[in-house]
C-alpha atoms as a PDB file:
ATOM      1  CA  MET A   1     -62.966  45.803 -17.902  1.00  0.00           C
ATOM      2  CA  ARG A   2     -64.223  48.935 -16.206  1.00  0.00           C
ATOM      3  CA  ILE A   3     -67.896  49.917 -16.467  1.00  0.00           C
ATOM      4  CA  PHE A   4     -68.717  53.519 -15.605  1.00  0.00           C
ATOM      5  CA  VAL A   5     -71.750  54.826 -13.737  1.00  0.00           C
ATOM      6  CA  GLU A   6     -74.599  56.008 -15.993  1.00  0.00           C
ATOM      7  CA  ASP A   7     -72.574  55.213 -19.144  1.00  0.00           C
ATOM      8  CA  ILE A   8     -75.714  54.131 -20.976  1.00  0.00           C
ATOM      9  CA  ALA A   9     -74.348  54.910 -24.436  1.00  0.00           C
ATOM     10  CA  ASN A  10     -71.710  52.217 -24.045  1.00  0.00           C
ATOM     11  CA  ILE A  11     -73.795  49.426 -22.473  1.00  0.00           C
ATOM     12  CA  GLY A  12     -73.186  46.410 -24.652  1.00  0.00           C
ATOM     13  CA  SER A  13     -69.835  47.525 -26.053  1.00  0.00           C
ATOM     14  CA  THR A  14     -67.861  45.544 -23.479  1.00  0.00           C
ATOM     15  CA  THR A  15     -70.091  42.526 -24.099  1.00  0.00           C
ATOM     16  CA  LEU A  16     -69.470  42.778 -27.844  1.00  0.00           C
ATOM     17  CA  LYS A  17     -65.689  43.067 -27.388  1.00  0.00           C
ATOM     18  CA  ILE A  18     -65.615  40.015 -25.136  1.00  0.00           C
ATOM     19  CA  LYS A  19     -67.855  37.933 -27.408  1.00  0.00           C
ATOM     20  CA  ASN A  20     -65.697  38.814 -30.436  1.00  0.00           C
ATOM     21  CA  LYS A  21     -62.550  37.713 -28.598  1.00  0.00           C
ATOM     22  CA  LEU A  22     -64.148  34.438 -27.488  1.00  0.00           C
ATOM     23  CA  LYS A  23     -66.058  33.405 -30.610  1.00  0.00           C
ATOM     24  CA  ASP A  24     -63.151  31.286 -31.868  1.00  0.00           C
ATOM     25  CA  ILE A  25     -62.594  29.711 -28.446  1.00  0.00           C
ATOM     26  CA  VAL A  26     -66.191  28.862 -27.521  1.00  0.00           C
ATOM     27  CA  SER A  27     -67.361  26.123 -29.866  1.00  0.00           C
ATOM     28  CA  ARG A  28     -70.992  26.040 -28.706  1.00  0.00           C
ATOM     29  CA  PRO A  29     -73.114  28.882 -30.136  1.00  0.00           C
ATOM     30  CA  ASP A  30     -75.653  28.508 -27.310  1.00  0.00           C
ATOM     31  CA  ALA A  31     -72.911  29.047 -24.720  1.00  0.00           C
ATOM     32  CA  LEU A  32     -71.721  32.185 -26.505  1.00  0.00           C
ATOM     33  CA  ARG A  33     -75.309  33.483 -26.721  1.00  0.00           C
ATOM     34  CA  ARG A  34     -75.948  32.822 -23.009  1.00  0.00           C
ATOM     35  CA  LEU A  35     -72.635  34.468 -22.128  1.00  0.00           C
ATOM     36  CA  GLY A  36     -73.595  37.522 -24.192  1.00  0.00           C
ATOM     37  CA  VAL A  37     -76.952  37.921 -22.447  1.00  0.00           C
ATOM     38  CA  CYS A  38     -75.406  37.522 -18.988  1.00  0.00           C
ATOM     39  CA  LEU A  39     -72.591  39.955 -19.742  1.00  0.00           C
ATOM     40  CA  PHE A  40     -75.000  42.546 -21.153  1.00  0.00           C
ATOM     41  CA  GLU A  41     -77.236  42.328 -18.083  1.00  0.00           C
ATOM     42  CA  SER A  42     -74.191  42.610 -15.796  1.00  0.00           C
ATOM     43  CA  GLU A  43     -72.904  45.598 -17.723  1.00  0.00           C
ATOM     44  CA  ALA A  44     -76.290  47.329 -17.521  1.00  0.00           C
ATOM     45  CA  ASN A  45     -76.583  46.661 -13.785  1.00  0.00           C
ATOM     46  CA  LEU A  46     -73.146  48.141 -13.112  1.00  0.00           C
ATOM     47  CA  ALA A  47     -73.910  51.277 -15.135  1.00  0.00           C
ATOM     48  CA  ILE A  48     -77.450  51.822 -13.835  1.00  0.00           C
ATOM     49  CA  HIS A  49     -77.556  50.557 -10.256  1.00  0.00           C
ATOM     50  CA  SER A  50     -74.060  51.104  -8.880  1.00  0.00           C
ATOM     51  CA  THR A  51     -71.293  53.644  -8.797  1.00  0.00           C
ATOM     52  CA  GLY A  52     -69.669  51.787 -11.689  1.00  0.00           C
ATOM     53  CA  GLY A  53     -67.590  48.673 -11.400  1.00  0.00           C
ATOM     54  CA  VAL A  54     -65.486  45.991 -12.996  1.00  0.00           C
ATOM     55  CA  LEU A  55     -66.182  42.913 -15.116  1.00  0.00           C
ATOM     56  CA  GLU A  56     -63.541  40.204 -14.807  1.00  0.00           C
ATOM     57  CA  ILE A  57     -63.586  37.275 -17.219  1.00  0.00           C
ATOM     58  CA  VAL A  58     -61.536  34.108 -16.781  1.00  0.00           C
ATOM     59  CA  VAL A  59     -61.514  31.492 -19.539  1.00  0.00           C
ATOM     60  CA  PHE A  60     -61.021  27.849 -18.587  1.00  0.00           C
ATOM     61  CA  SER A  61     -61.008  24.831 -20.899  1.00  0.00           C
ATOM     62  CA  SER A  62     -64.596  23.915 -19.993  1.00  0.00           C
ATOM     63  CA  LYS A  63     -66.148  27.150 -18.755  1.00  0.00           C
ATOM     64  CA  ILE A  64     -66.022  30.918 -18.639  1.00  0.00           C
ATOM     65  CA  SER A  65     -66.148  32.513 -15.206  1.00  0.00           C
ATOM     66  CA  VAL A  66     -67.331  36.110 -14.803  1.00  0.00           C
ATOM     67  CA  THR A  67     -67.206  38.366 -11.766  1.00  0.00           C
ATOM     68  CA  ALA A  68     -69.035  41.708 -11.778  1.00  0.00           C
ATOM     69  CA  SER A  69     -68.176  43.834  -8.769  1.00  0.00           C
ATOM     70  CA  ASP A  70     -68.832  47.361  -7.589  1.00  0.00           C
ATOM     71  CA  ASN A  71     -68.382  49.577  -4.545  1.00  0.00           C
ATOM     72  CA  GLY A  72     -71.968  50.416  -3.767  1.00  0.00           C
ATOM     73  CA  PRO A  73     -74.729  51.111  -2.918  1.00  0.00           C
ATOM     74  CA  GLY A  74     -75.587  47.415  -2.616  1.00  0.00           C
ATOM     75  CA  ILE A  75     -78.778  45.402  -3.036  1.00  0.00           C
ATOM     76  CA  PRO A  76     -80.928  45.659   0.125  1.00  0.00           C
ATOM     77  CA  ASP A  77     -83.041  42.563  -0.623  1.00  0.00           C
ATOM     78  CA  ILE A  78     -81.424  39.991  -2.939  1.00  0.00           C
ATOM     79  CA  GLU A  79     -84.454  37.696  -2.928  1.00  0.00           C
ATOM     80  CA  LYS A  80     -86.667  40.566  -4.071  1.00  0.00           C
ATOM     81  CA  ALA A  81     -84.082  41.616  -6.686  1.00  0.00           C
ATOM     82  CA  LEU A  82     -84.306  38.100  -8.163  1.00  0.00           C
ATOM     83  CA  THR A  83     -88.097  38.344  -8.480  1.00  0.00           C
ATOM     84  CA  PRO A  84     -89.180  38.705 -12.133  1.00  0.00           C
ATOM     85  CA  GLY A  85     -90.448  42.218 -12.799  1.00  0.00           C
ATOM     86  CA  PHE A  86     -88.989  43.810  -9.667  1.00  0.00           C
ATOM     87  CA  SER A  87     -86.739  46.749 -10.511  1.00  0.00           C
ATOM     88  CA  THR A  88     -85.119  49.674  -8.761  1.00  0.00           C
ATOM     89  CA  ALA A  89     -84.026  51.294 -12.022  1.00  0.00           C
ATOM     90  CA  PRO A  90     -84.337  55.074 -11.930  1.00  0.00           C
ATOM     91  CA  PRO A  91     -86.821  56.823 -14.243  1.00  0.00           C
ATOM     92  CA  TRP A  92     -84.097  57.945 -16.681  1.00  0.00           C
ATOM     93  CA  ALA A  93     -83.059  54.305 -17.234  1.00  0.00           C
ATOM     94  CA  ARG A  94     -86.658  53.149 -17.662  1.00  0.00           C
ATOM     95  CA  GLU A  95     -87.239  55.862 -20.267  1.00  0.00           C
ATOM     96  CA  LEU A  96     -84.363  54.329 -22.238  1.00  0.00           C
ATOM     97  CA  GLY A  97     -85.884  50.830 -22.105  1.00  0.00           C
ATOM     98  CA  PHE A  98     -83.941  49.449 -19.133  1.00  0.00           C
ATOM     99  CA  GLY A  99     -85.398  48.335 -15.819  1.00  0.00           C
ATOM    100  CA  SER A 100     -87.693  45.456 -16.757  1.00  0.00           C
ATOM    101  CA  GLY A 101     -86.651  43.605 -13.626  1.00  0.00           C
ATOM    102  CA  MET A 102     -85.317  40.564 -15.483  1.00  0.00           C
ATOM    103  CA  GLY A 103     -81.542  41.176 -15.453  1.00  0.00           C
ATOM    104  CA  LEU A 104     -80.463  39.189 -12.414  1.00  0.00           C
ATOM    105  CA  LYS A 105     -83.161  36.586 -12.997  1.00  0.00           C
ATOM    106  CA  ASN A 106     -81.929  36.042 -16.568  1.00  0.00           C
ATOM    107  CA  ILE A 107     -78.313  35.744 -15.437  1.00  0.00           C
ATOM    108  CA  LYS A 108     -79.304  33.140 -12.856  1.00  0.00           C
ATOM    109  CA  ARG A 109     -81.461  31.227 -15.356  1.00  0.00           C
ATOM    110  CA  LEU A 110     -78.877  31.202 -18.173  1.00  0.00           C
ATOM    111  CA  SER A 111     -75.732  30.504 -16.175  1.00  0.00           C
ATOM    112  CA  ASN A 112     -74.463  27.137 -14.952  1.00  0.00           C
ATOM    113  CA  ALA A 113     -73.330  28.584 -11.622  1.00  0.00           C
ATOM    114  CA  PHE A 114     -74.528  31.779  -9.946  1.00  0.00           C
ATOM    115  CA  SER A 115     -73.768  33.623  -6.718  1.00  0.00           C
ATOM    116  CA  LEU A 116     -74.675  37.100  -5.546  1.00  0.00           C
ATOM    117  CA  MET A 117     -73.397  38.809  -2.412  1.00  0.00           C
ATOM    118  CA  SER A 118     -74.202  42.390  -1.496  1.00  0.00           C
ATOM    119  CA  THR A 119     -73.743  44.890   1.308  1.00  0.00           C
ATOM    120  CA  SER A 120     -74.020  48.658   1.423  1.00  0.00           C
ATOM    121  CA  ALA A 121     -70.305  48.686   0.565  1.00  0.00           C
ATOM    122  CA  GLY A 122     -70.812  46.891  -2.739  1.00  0.00           C
ATOM    123  CA  THR A 123     -71.989  43.896  -4.688  1.00  0.00           C
ATOM    124  CA  VAL A 124     -70.200  40.878  -6.134  1.00  0.00           C
ATOM    125  CA  LEU A 125     -71.990  38.823  -8.772  1.00  0.00           C
ATOM    126  CA  LYS A 126     -70.305  35.644 -10.015  1.00  0.00           C
ATOM    127  CA  PHE A 127     -71.529  33.346 -12.745  1.00  0.00           C
ATOM    128  CA  GLU A 128     -70.183  30.614 -14.994  1.00  0.00           C
ATOM    129  CA  ILE A 129     -71.096  29.463 -18.461  1.00  0.00           C
ATOM    130  CA  ALA A 130     -70.102  25.923 -19.440  1.00  0.00           C
ATOM    131  CA  THR A 131     -68.433  25.853 -22.843  1.00  0.00           C
ATOM    132  CA  LEU A 132     -68.241  22.082 -23.424  1.00  0.00           C
END
């Protein structure tokens, strides 16, 4: 699913669509809740911090795998970006309540597998949520 740059009005709509499609497949409510939080944070990051990007979801029998990718501008310091409270959100996003600096940290904490790779050409975030 495509996420567009600065499309703040629609942050969460992709998450809701995905959760609604998966609610009959994912038997554990905690897994669906964790997936929702991680998807929302990924969606927000794509809209606020990149030039827009794509969320890809693959459903397996025991897990859901998500890849969020974009074409730039990249994360200069991944370790710093994973520090609670650190944010590079622009003022317009902060005024709307985004930019607390917990997005990536929450995804890492709530997922069962997490990887983040970034260059100036783009970022690829991958995470998995166990469903069994």
